[in-house]
PDB file of all heavy atoms in Angstrom:
ATOM      1  N   PHE A   1      68.372  88.418  14.571  1.00  0.00           N
ATOM      2  CA  PHE A   1      69.373  88.335  15.636  1.00  0.00           C
ATOM      3  C   PHE A   1      69.062  87.139  16.524  1.00  0.00           C
ATOM      4  O   PHE A   1      67.909  86.889  16.854  1.00  0.00           O
ATOM      5  CB  PHE A   1      69.348  89.652  16.446  1.00  0.00           C
ATOM      6  CG  PHE A   1      70.409  89.746  17.510  1.00  0.00           C
ATOM      7  CD1 PHE A   1      71.695  90.093  17.209  1.00  0.00           C
ATOM      8  CD2 PHE A   1      70.066  89.477  18.856  1.00  0.00           C
ATOM      9  CE1 PHE A   1      72.651  90.192  18.203  1.00  0.00           C
ATOM     10  CE2 PHE A   1      71.018  89.587  19.857  1.00  0.00           C
ATOM     11  CZ  PHE A   1      72.299  89.973  19.517  1.00  0.00           C
ATOM     12  N   TYR A   2      70.107  86.421  16.881  1.00  0.00           N
ATOM     13  CA  TYR A   2      69.934  85.174  17.717  1.00  0.00           C
ATOM     14  C   TYR A   2      70.962  85.140  18.824  1.00  0.00           C
ATOM     15  O   TYR A   2      72.070  85.687  18.722  1.00  0.00           O
ATOM     16  CB  TYR A   2      70.141  83.932  16.842  1.00  0.00           C
ATOM     17  CG  TYR A   2      69.183  83.773  15.701  1.00  0.00           C
ATOM     18  CD1 TYR A   2      69.415  84.398  14.479  1.00  0.00           C
ATOM     19  CD2 TYR A   2      68.032  82.985  15.826  1.00  0.00           C
ATOM     20  CE1 TYR A   2      68.527  84.311  13.401  1.00  0.00           C
ATOM     21  CE2 TYR A   2      67.147  82.866  14.741  1.00  0.00           C
ATOM     22  CZ  TYR A   2      67.388  83.519  13.543  1.00  0.00           C
ATOM     23  OH  TYR A   2      66.534  83.387  12.477  1.00  0.00           O
ATOM     24  N   ASP A   3      70.560  84.431  19.914  1.00  0.00           N
ATOM     25  CA  ASP A   3      71.451  84.213  21.048  1.00  0.00           C
ATOM     26  C   ASP A   3      71.764  82.726  21.162  1.00  0.00           C
ATOM     27  O   ASP A   3      70.886  81.904  20.914  1.00  0.00           O
ATOM     28  CB  ASP A   3      70.782  84.696  22.355  1.00  0.00           C
ATOM     29  CG  ASP A   3      70.559  86.206  22.401  1.00  0.00           C
ATOM     30  OD1 ASP A   3      71.470  86.947  22.050  1.00  0.00           O
ATOM     31  OD2 ASP A   3      69.424  86.579  22.817  1.00  0.00           O
ATOM     32  N   ILE A   4      72.971  82.404  21.554  1.00  0.00           N
ATOM     33  CA  ILE A   4      73.388  81.013  21.727  1.00  0.00           C
ATOM     34  C   ILE A   4      73.799  80.814  23.202  1.00  0.00           C
ATOM     35  O   ILE A   4      74.571  81.621  23.772  1.00  0.00           O
ATOM     36  CB  ILE A   4      74.632  80.657  20.866  1.00  0.00           C
ATOM     37  CG1 ILE A   4      74.301  80.880  19.389  1.00  0.00           C
ATOM     38  CG2 ILE A   4      75.107  79.219  21.105  1.00  0.00           C
ATOM     39  CD1 ILE A   4      75.509  80.558  18.489  1.00  0.00           C
ATOM     40  N   SER A   5      73.223  79.798  23.826  1.00  0.00           N
ATOM     41  CA  SER A   5      73.576  79.423  25.188  1.00  0.00           C
ATOM     42  C   SER A   5      74.140  78.018  25.224  1.00  0.00           C
ATOM     43  O   SER A   5      73.774  77.170  24.388  1.00  0.00           O
ATOM     44  CB  SER A   5      72.350  79.481  26.115  1.00  0.00           C
ATOM     45  OG  SER A   5      71.708  80.759  26.084  1.00  0.00           O
ATOM     46  N   ASP A   6      75.048  77.757  26.150  1.00  0.00           N
ATOM     47  CA  ASP A   6      75.591  76.383  26.274  1.00  0.00           C
ATOM     48  C   ASP A   6      74.701  75.580  27.167  1.00  0.00           C
ATOM     49  O   ASP A   6      73.660  76.020  27.618  1.00  0.00           O
ATOM     50  CB  ASP A   6      77.077  76.459  26.741  1.00  0.00           C
ATOM     51  CG  ASP A   6      77.260  76.987  28.145  1.00  0.00           C
ATOM     52  OD1 ASP A   6      76.217  77.106  28.880  1.00  0.00           O
ATOM     53  OD2 ASP A   6      78.393  77.293  28.527  1.00  0.00           O
ATOM     54  N   GLU A   7      75.206  74.344  27.480  1.00  0.00           N
ATOM     55  CA  GLU A   7      74.347  73.437  28.258  1.00  0.00           C
ATOM     56  C   GLU A   7      74.007  73.939  29.663  1.00  0.00           C
ATOM     57  O   GLU A   7      72.990  73.619  30.215  1.00  0.00           O
ATOM     58  CB  GLU A   7      75.063  72.076  28.391  1.00  0.00           C
ATOM     59  CG  GLU A   7      74.759  71.185  27.218  1.00  0.00           C
ATOM     60  CD  GLU A   7      75.409  69.792  27.325  1.00  0.00           C
ATOM     61  OE1 GLU A   7      76.620  69.747  27.533  1.00  0.00           O
ATOM     62  OE2 GLU A   7      74.667  68.779  27.244  1.00  0.00           O
ATOM     63  N   SER A   8      74.915  74.774  30.197  1.00  0.00           N
ATOM     64  CA  SER A   8      74.654  75.263  31.565  1.00  0.00           C
ATOM     65  C   SER A   8      73.777  76.519  31.508  1.00  0.00           C
ATOM     66  O   SER A   8      73.408  77.044  32.562  1.00  0.00           O
ATOM     67  CB  SER A   8      75.976  75.651  32.197  1.00  0.00           C
ATOM     68  OG  SER A   8      76.536  76.784  31.569  1.00  0.00           O
ATOM     69  N   GLY A   9      73.369  76.935  30.345  1.00  0.00           N
ATOM     70  CA  GLY A   9      72.531  78.145  30.222  1.00  0.00           C
ATOM     71  C   GLY A   9      73.294  79.432  30.068  1.00  0.00           C
ATOM     72  O   GLY A   9      72.711  80.490  30.017  1.00  0.00           O
ATOM     73  N   THR A  10      74.633  79.355  30.039  1.00  0.00           N
ATOM     74  CA  THR A  10      75.487  80.543  29.886  1.00  0.00           C
ATOM     75  C   THR A  10      75.334  81.086  28.503  1.00  0.00           C
ATOM     76  O   THR A  10      75.472  80.359  27.461  1.00  0.00           O
ATOM     77  CB  THR A  10      76.923  80.222  30.200  1.00  0.00           C
ATOM     78  OG1 THR A  10      77.020  79.728  31.526  1.00  0.00           O
ATOM     79  CG2 THR A  10      77.829  81.445  30.084  1.00  0.00           C
ATOM     80  N   HIS A  11      75.133  82.413  28.361  1.00  0.00           N
ATOM     81  CA  HIS A  11      75.108  83.055  27.054  1.00  0.00           C
ATOM     82  C   HIS A  11      76.515  83.176  26.517  1.00  0.00           C
ATOM     83  O   HIS A  11      77.345  83.911  27.049  1.00  0.00           O
ATOM     84  CB  HIS A  11      74.493  84.494  27.251  1.00  0.00           C
ATOM     85  CG  HIS A  11      74.487  85.318  26.002  1.00  0.00           C
ATOM     86  ND1 HIS A  11      74.565  86.681  26.047  1.00  0.00           N
ATOM     87  CD2 HIS A  11      74.397  84.982  24.682  1.00  0.00           C
ATOM     88  CE1 HIS A  11      74.534  87.156  24.823  1.00  0.00           C
ATOM     89  NE2 HIS A  11      74.431  86.130  23.983  1.00  0.00           N
ATOM     90  N   VAL A  12      76.839  82.381  25.482  1.00  0.00           N
ATOM     91  CA  VAL A  12      78.205  82.314  24.952  1.00  0.00           C
ATOM     92  C   VAL A  12      78.372  83.137  23.688  1.00  0.00           C
ATOM     93  O   VAL A  12      79.521  83.509  23.297  1.00  0.00           O
ATOM     94  CB  VAL A  12      78.683  80.845  24.738  1.00  0.00           C
ATOM     95  CG1 VAL A  12      78.720  80.121  26.064  1.00  0.00           C
ATOM     96  CG2 VAL A  12      77.734  80.139  23.757  1.00  0.00           C
ATOM     97  N   ALA A  13      77.282  83.419  22.963  1.00  0.00           N
ATOM     98  CA  ALA A  13      77.433  84.146  21.681  1.00  0.00           C
ATOM     99  C   ALA A  13      76.061  84.644  21.224  1.00  0.00           C
ATOM    100  O   ALA A  13      75.042  84.129  21.635  1.00  0.00           O
ATOM    101  CB  ALA A  13      78.051  83.224  20.630  1.00  0.00           C
ATOM    102  N   SER A  14      76.156  85.595  20.291  1.00  0.00           N
ATOM    103  CA  SER A  14      74.980  86.050  19.529  1.00  0.00           C
ATOM    104  C   SER A  14      75.400  86.250  18.103  1.00  0.00           C
ATOM    105  O   SER A  14      76.616  86.346  17.795  1.00  0.00           O
ATOM    106  CB  SER A  14      74.392  87.368  20.122  1.00  0.00           C
ATOM    107  OG  SER A  14      73.891  87.162  21.433  1.00  0.00           O
ATOM    108  N   PHE A  15      74.426  86.295  17.224  1.00  0.00           N
ATOM    109  CA  PHE A  15      74.781  86.497  15.807  1.00  0.00           C
ATOM    110  C   PHE A  15      73.601  87.064  15.008  1.00  0.00           C
ATOM    111  O   PHE A  15      72.448  86.951  15.424  1.00  0.00           O
ATOM    112  CB  PHE A  15      75.255  85.193  15.142  1.00  0.00           C
ATOM    113  CG  PHE A  15      74.210  84.099  15.067  1.00  0.00           C
ATOM    114  CD1 PHE A  15      73.428  83.883  13.964  1.00  0.00           C
ATOM    115  CD2 PHE A  15      74.028  83.264  16.172  1.00  0.00           C
ATOM    116  CE1 PHE A  15      72.467  82.879  13.888  1.00  0.00           C
ATOM    117  CE2 PHE A  15      73.050  82.228  16.138  1.00  0.00           C
ATOM    118  CZ  PHE A  15      72.302  82.062  14.975  1.00  0.00           C
ATOM    119  N   TYR A  16      73.958  87.745  13.895  1.00  0.00           N
ATOM    120  CA  TYR A  16      73.019  88.324  12.980  1.00  0.00           C
ATOM    121  C   TYR A  16      72.927  87.410  11.747  1.00  0.00           C
ATOM    122  O   TYR A  16      73.877  86.755  11.381  1.00  0.00           O
ATOM    123  CB  TYR A  16      73.392  89.704  12.510  1.00  0.00           C
ATOM    124  CG  TYR A  16      73.629  90.710  13.609  1.00  0.00           C
ATOM    125  CD1 TYR A  16      74.811  90.810  14.269  1.00  0.00           C
ATOM    126  CD2 TYR A  16      72.602  91.599  13.958  1.00  0.00           C
ATOM    127  CE1 TYR A  16      75.044  91.749  15.285  1.00  0.00           C
ATOM    128  CE2 TYR A  16      72.815  92.593  14.953  1.00  0.00           C
ATOM    129  CZ  TYR A  16      74.050  92.625  15.605  1.00  0.00           C
ATOM    130  OH  TYR A  16      74.246  93.603  16.572  1.00  0.00           O
ATOM    131  N   THR A  17      71.762  87.416  11.081  1.00  0.00           N
ATOM    132  CA  THR A  17      71.640  86.776   9.779  1.00  0.00           C
ATOM    133  C   THR A  17      71.061  87.767   8.758  1.00  0.00           C
ATOM    134  O   THR A  17      70.247  88.610   9.130  1.00  0.00           O
ATOM    135  CB  THR A  17      70.732  85.504   9.805  1.00  0.00           C
ATOM    136  OG1 THR A  17      69.413  85.868  10.150  1.00  0.00           O
ATOM    137  CG2 THR A  17      71.274  84.477  10.789  1.00  0.00           C
ATOM    138  N   ASP A  18      71.479  87.626   7.507  1.00  0.00           N
ATOM    139  CA  ASP A  18      71.000  88.474   6.429  1.00  0.00           C
ATOM    140  C   ASP A  18      71.128  87.561   5.161  1.00  0.00           C
ATOM    141  O   ASP A  18      72.196  87.481   4.573  1.00  0.00           O
ATOM    142  CB  ASP A  18      71.878  89.717   6.300  1.00  0.00           C
ATOM    143  CG  ASP A  18      71.423  90.651   5.224  1.00  0.00           C
ATOM    144  OD1 ASP A  18      70.430  90.346   4.509  1.00  0.00           O
ATOM    145  OD2 ASP A  18      72.032  91.722   5.033  1.00  0.00           O
ATOM    146  N   TRP A  19      69.981  86.982   4.724  1.00  0.00           N
ATOM    147  CA  TRP A  19      70.075  85.837   3.819  1.00  0.00           C
ATOM    148  C   TRP A  19      69.786  86.151   2.337  1.00  0.00           C
ATOM    149  O   TRP A  19      70.112  85.299   1.486  1.00  0.00           O
ATOM    150  CB  TRP A  19      69.072  84.749   4.251  1.00  0.00           C
ATOM    151  CG  TRP A  19      69.485  84.032   5.504  1.00  0.00           C
ATOM    152  CD1 TRP A  19      68.788  83.937   6.656  1.00  0.00           C
ATOM    153  CD2 TRP A  19      70.712  83.304   5.704  1.00  0.00           C
ATOM    154  NE1 TRP A  19      69.478  83.162   7.577  1.00  0.00           N
ATOM    155  CE2 TRP A  19      70.646  82.786   7.037  1.00  0.00           C
ATOM    156  CE3 TRP A  19      71.844  83.030   4.923  1.00  0.00           C
ATOM    157  CZ2 TRP A  19      71.700  82.011   7.568  1.00  0.00           C
ATOM    158  CZ3 TRP A  19      72.876  82.275   5.485  1.00  0.00           C
ATOM    159  CH2 TRP A  19      72.767  81.779   6.755  1.00  0.00           C
ATOM    160  N   PHE A  20      69.182  87.294   1.980  1.00  0.00           N
ATOM    161  CA  PHE A  20      68.693  87.410   0.640  1.00  0.00           C
ATOM    162  C   PHE A  20      69.459  88.462  -0.204  1.00  0.00           C
ATOM    163  O   PHE A  20      69.981  89.415   0.321  1.00  0.00           O
ATOM    164  CB  PHE A  20      67.190  87.762   0.687  1.00  0.00           C
ATOM    165  CG  PHE A  20      66.370  86.807   1.488  1.00  0.00           C
ATOM    166  CD1 PHE A  20      65.558  87.201   2.511  1.00  0.00           C
ATOM    167  CD2 PHE A  20      66.456  85.440   1.214  1.00  0.00           C
ATOM    168  CE1 PHE A  20      64.834  86.354   3.297  1.00  0.00           C
ATOM    169  CE2 PHE A  20      65.730  84.504   1.968  1.00  0.00           C
ATOM    170  CZ  PHE A  20      64.889  84.975   2.997  1.00  0.00           C
ATOM    171  N   PRO A  21      69.470  88.256  -1.537  1.00  0.00           N
ATOM    172  CA  PRO A  21      70.219  89.211  -2.362  1.00  0.00           C
ATOM    173  C   PRO A  21      69.537  90.581  -2.449  1.00  0.00           C
ATOM    174  O   PRO A  21      68.324  90.708  -2.340  1.00  0.00           O
ATOM    175  CB  PRO A  21      70.214  88.505  -3.732  1.00  0.00           C
ATOM    176  CG  PRO A  21      69.156  87.479  -3.715  1.00  0.00           C
ATOM    177  CD  PRO A  21      68.884  87.152  -2.305  1.00  0.00           C
ATOM    178  N   ARG A  22      70.381  91.566  -2.639  1.00  0.00           N
ATOM    179  CA  ARG A  22      69.911  92.947  -2.913  1.00  0.00           C
ATOM    180  C   ARG A  22      70.947  93.566  -3.876  1.00  0.00           C
ATOM    181  O   ARG A  22      72.085  93.183  -3.892  1.00  0.00           O
ATOM    182  CB  ARG A  22      69.905  93.847  -1.627  1.00  0.00           C
ATOM    183  CG  ARG A  22      68.951  93.387  -0.553  1.00  0.00           C
ATOM    184  CD  ARG A  22      68.922  94.361   0.596  1.00  0.00           C
ATOM    185  NE  ARG A  22      70.135  94.341   1.373  1.00  0.00           N
ATOM    186  CZ  ARG A  22      70.368  93.521   2.422  1.00  0.00           C
ATOM    187  NH1 ARG A  22      69.493  92.577   2.734  1.00  0.00           N
ATOM    188  NH2 ARG A  22      71.519  93.571   3.111  1.00  0.00           N
ATOM    189  N   ASP A  23      70.499  94.567  -4.634  1.00  0.00           N
ATOM    190  CA  ASP A  23      71.444  95.213  -5.488  1.00  0.00           C
ATOM    191  C   ASP A  23      72.529  95.967  -4.717  1.00  0.00           C
ATOM    192  O   ASP A  23      73.576  96.266  -5.253  1.00  0.00           O
ATOM    193  CB  ASP A  23      70.699  96.185  -6.449  1.00  0.00           C
ATOM    194  CG  ASP A  23      69.870  95.461  -7.511  1.00  0.00           C
ATOM    195  OD1 ASP A  23      70.118  94.250  -7.698  1.00  0.00           O
ATOM    196  OD2 ASP A  23      68.963  96.069  -8.066  1.00  0.00           O
ATOM    197  N   SER A  24      72.245  96.284  -3.464  1.00  0.00           N
ATOM    198  CA  SER A  24      73.203  96.999  -2.645  1.00  0.00           C
ATOM    199  C   SER A  24      74.088  96.059  -1.818  1.00  0.00           C
ATOM    200  O   SER A  24      74.789  96.514  -0.922  1.00  0.00           O
ATOM    201  CB  SER A  24      72.482  97.946  -1.671  1.00  0.00           C
ATOM    202  OG  SER A  24      71.600  97.219  -0.825  1.00  0.00           O
ATOM    203  N   LYS A  25      74.057  94.763  -2.123  1.00  0.00           N
ATOM    204  CA  LYS A  25      74.752  93.785  -1.317  1.00  0.00           C
ATOM    205  C   LYS A  25      75.672  92.924  -2.166  1.00  0.00           C
ATOM    206  O   LYS A  25      75.297  92.579  -3.289  1.00  0.00           O
ATOM    207  CB  LYS A  25      73.680  92.916  -0.642  1.00  0.00           C
ATOM    208  CG  LYS A  25      74.198  91.809   0.309  1.00  0.00           C
ATOM    209  CD  LYS A  25      72.999  91.062   0.855  1.00  0.00           C
ATOM    210  CE  LYS A  25      73.415  89.872   1.702  1.00  0.00           C
ATOM    211  NZ  LYS A  25      72.183  89.104   2.132  1.00  0.00           N
ATOM    212  N   ARG A  26      76.822  92.636  -1.693  1.00  0.00           N
ATOM    213  CA  ARG A  26      77.769  91.822  -2.504  1.00  0.00           C
ATOM    214  C   ARG A  26      77.255  90.368  -2.591  1.00  0.00           C
ATOM    215  O   ARG A  26      76.500  89.945  -1.749  1.00  0.00           O
ATOM    216  CB  ARG A  26      79.185  91.916  -1.993  1.00  0.00           C
ATOM    217  CG  ARG A  26      79.477  91.083  -0.699  1.00  0.00           C
ATOM    218  CD  ARG A  26      80.994  91.169  -0.443  1.00  0.00           C
ATOM    219  NE  ARG A  26      81.422  90.577   0.803  1.00  0.00           N
ATOM    220  CZ  ARG A  26      81.777  89.312   0.981  1.00  0.00           C
ATOM    221  NH1 ARG A  26      81.736  88.465  -0.073  1.00  0.00           N
ATOM    222  NH2 ARG A  26      82.218  88.869   2.144  1.00  0.00           N
ATOM    223  N   GLY A  27      77.743  89.656  -3.595  1.00  0.00           N
ATOM    224  CA  GLY A  27      77.331  88.278  -3.834  1.00  0.00           C
ATOM    225  C   GLY A  27      77.971  87.307  -2.855  1.00  0.00           C
ATOM    226  O   GLY A  27      78.886  87.656  -2.091  1.00  0.00           O
ATOM    227  N   GLY A  28      77.556  86.075  -2.931  1.00  0.00           N
ATOM    228  CA  GLY A  28      78.227  85.020  -2.147  1.00  0.00           C
ATOM    229  C   GLY A  28      77.608  84.863  -0.782  1.00  0.00           C
ATOM    230  O   GLY A  28      76.554  85.406  -0.466  1.00  0.00           O
ATOM    231  N   ALA A  29      78.274  84.034   0.024  1.00  0.00           N
ATOM    232  CA  ALA A  29      77.853  83.800   1.414  1.00  0.00           C
ATOM    233  C   ALA A  29      79.062  83.880   2.278  1.00  0.00           C
ATOM    234  O   ALA A  29      80.150  83.487   1.837  1.00  0.00           O
ATOM    235  CB  ALA A  29      77.169  82.431   1.536  1.00  0.00           C
ATOM    236  N   TRP A  30      78.895  84.396   3.477  1.00  0.00           N
ATOM    237  CA  TRP A  30      80.064  84.574   4.346  1.00  0.00           C
ATOM    238  C   TRP A  30      79.675  84.664   5.802  1.00  0.00           C
ATOM    239  O   TRP A  30      78.554  84.973   6.159  1.00  0.00           O
ATOM    240  CB  TRP A  30      80.884  85.795   3.963  1.00  0.00           C
ATOM    241  CG  TRP A  30      80.252  87.106   4.143  1.00  0.00           C
ATOM    242  CD1 TRP A  30      80.459  87.959   5.195  1.00  0.00           C
ATOM    243  CD2 TRP A  30      79.361  87.803   3.209  1.00  0.00           C
ATOM    244  NE1 TRP A  30      79.666  89.117   5.002  1.00  0.00           N
ATOM    245  CE2 TRP A  30      79.023  89.052   3.850  1.00  0.00           C
ATOM    246  CE3 TRP A  30      78.819  87.483   1.966  1.00  0.00           C
ATOM    247  CZ2 TRP A  30      78.175  89.963   3.256  1.00  0.00           C
ATOM    248  CZ3 TRP A  30      77.995  88.407   1.353  1.00  0.00           C
ATOM    249  CH2 TRP A  30      77.675  89.640   1.979  1.00  0.00           C
ATOM    250  N   MET A  31      80.627  84.364   6.671  1.00  0.00           N
ATOM    251  CA  MET A  31      80.503  84.604   8.095  1.00  0.00           C
ATOM    252  C   MET A  31      81.593  85.567   8.507  1.00  0.00           C
ATOM    253  O   MET A  31      82.630  85.620   7.875  1.00  0.00           O
ATOM    254  CB  MET A  31      80.694  83.252   8.878  1.00  0.00           C
ATOM    255  CG  MET A  31      80.808  83.387  10.381  1.00  0.00           C
ATOM    256  SD  MET A  31      82.551  83.513  10.868  1.00  0.00           S
ATOM    257  CE  MET A  31      82.366  84.077  12.552  1.00  0.00           C
ATOM    258  N   ASN A  32      81.309  86.408   9.492  1.00  0.00           N
ATOM    259  CA  ASN A  32      82.320  87.280  10.012  1.00  0.00           C
ATOM    260  C   ASN A  32      82.148  87.442  11.486  1.00  0.00           C
ATOM    261  O   ASN A  32      81.074  87.139  12.056  1.00  0.00           O
ATOM    262  CB  ASN A  32      82.302  88.649   9.316  1.00  0.00           C
ATOM    263  CG  ASN A  32      83.635  89.332   9.266  1.00  0.00           C
ATOM    264  OD1 ASN A  32      84.569  88.942  10.007  1.00  0.00           O
ATOM    265  ND2 ASN A  32      83.792  90.295   8.368  1.00  0.00           N
ATOM    266  N   ALA A  33      83.173  87.933  12.198  1.00  0.00           N
ATOM    267  CA  ALA A  33      83.136  88.168  13.602  1.00  0.00           C
ATOM    268  C   ALA A  33      83.173  89.677  13.894  1.00  0.00           C
ATOM    269  O   ALA A  33      84.018  90.396  13.324  1.00  0.00           O
ATOM    270  CB  ALA A  33      84.354  87.482  14.289  1.00  0.00           C
ATOM    271  N   PHE A  34      82.262  90.146  14.700  1.00  0.00           N
ATOM    272  CA  PHE A  34      82.321  91.516  15.190  1.00  0.00           C
ATOM    273  C   PHE A  34      83.073  91.676  16.504  1.00  0.00           C
ATOM    274  O   PHE A  34      83.921  92.557  16.639  1.00  0.00           O
ATOM    275  CB  PHE A  34      80.890  92.066  15.378  1.00  0.00           C
ATOM    276  CG  PHE A  34      80.110  92.332  14.126  1.00  0.00           C
ATOM    277  CD1 PHE A  34      78.844  91.804  13.922  1.00  0.00           C
ATOM    278  CD2 PHE A  34      80.663  93.151  13.143  1.00  0.00           C
ATOM    279  CE1 PHE A  34      78.135  92.054  12.787  1.00  0.00           C
ATOM    280  CE2 PHE A  34      79.918  93.402  12.004  1.00  0.00           C
ATOM    281  CZ  PHE A  34      78.681  92.856  11.816  1.00  0.00           C
TER     282      PHE A  34
END
């Protein structure tokens, strides 16, 4: 999990990463918005 801040230090976004294959996970790569 990561946080993104802009130049003024304002927290503008956060995001999750999940990078590796598993048999329980679909193929490919993608981004999505929660």
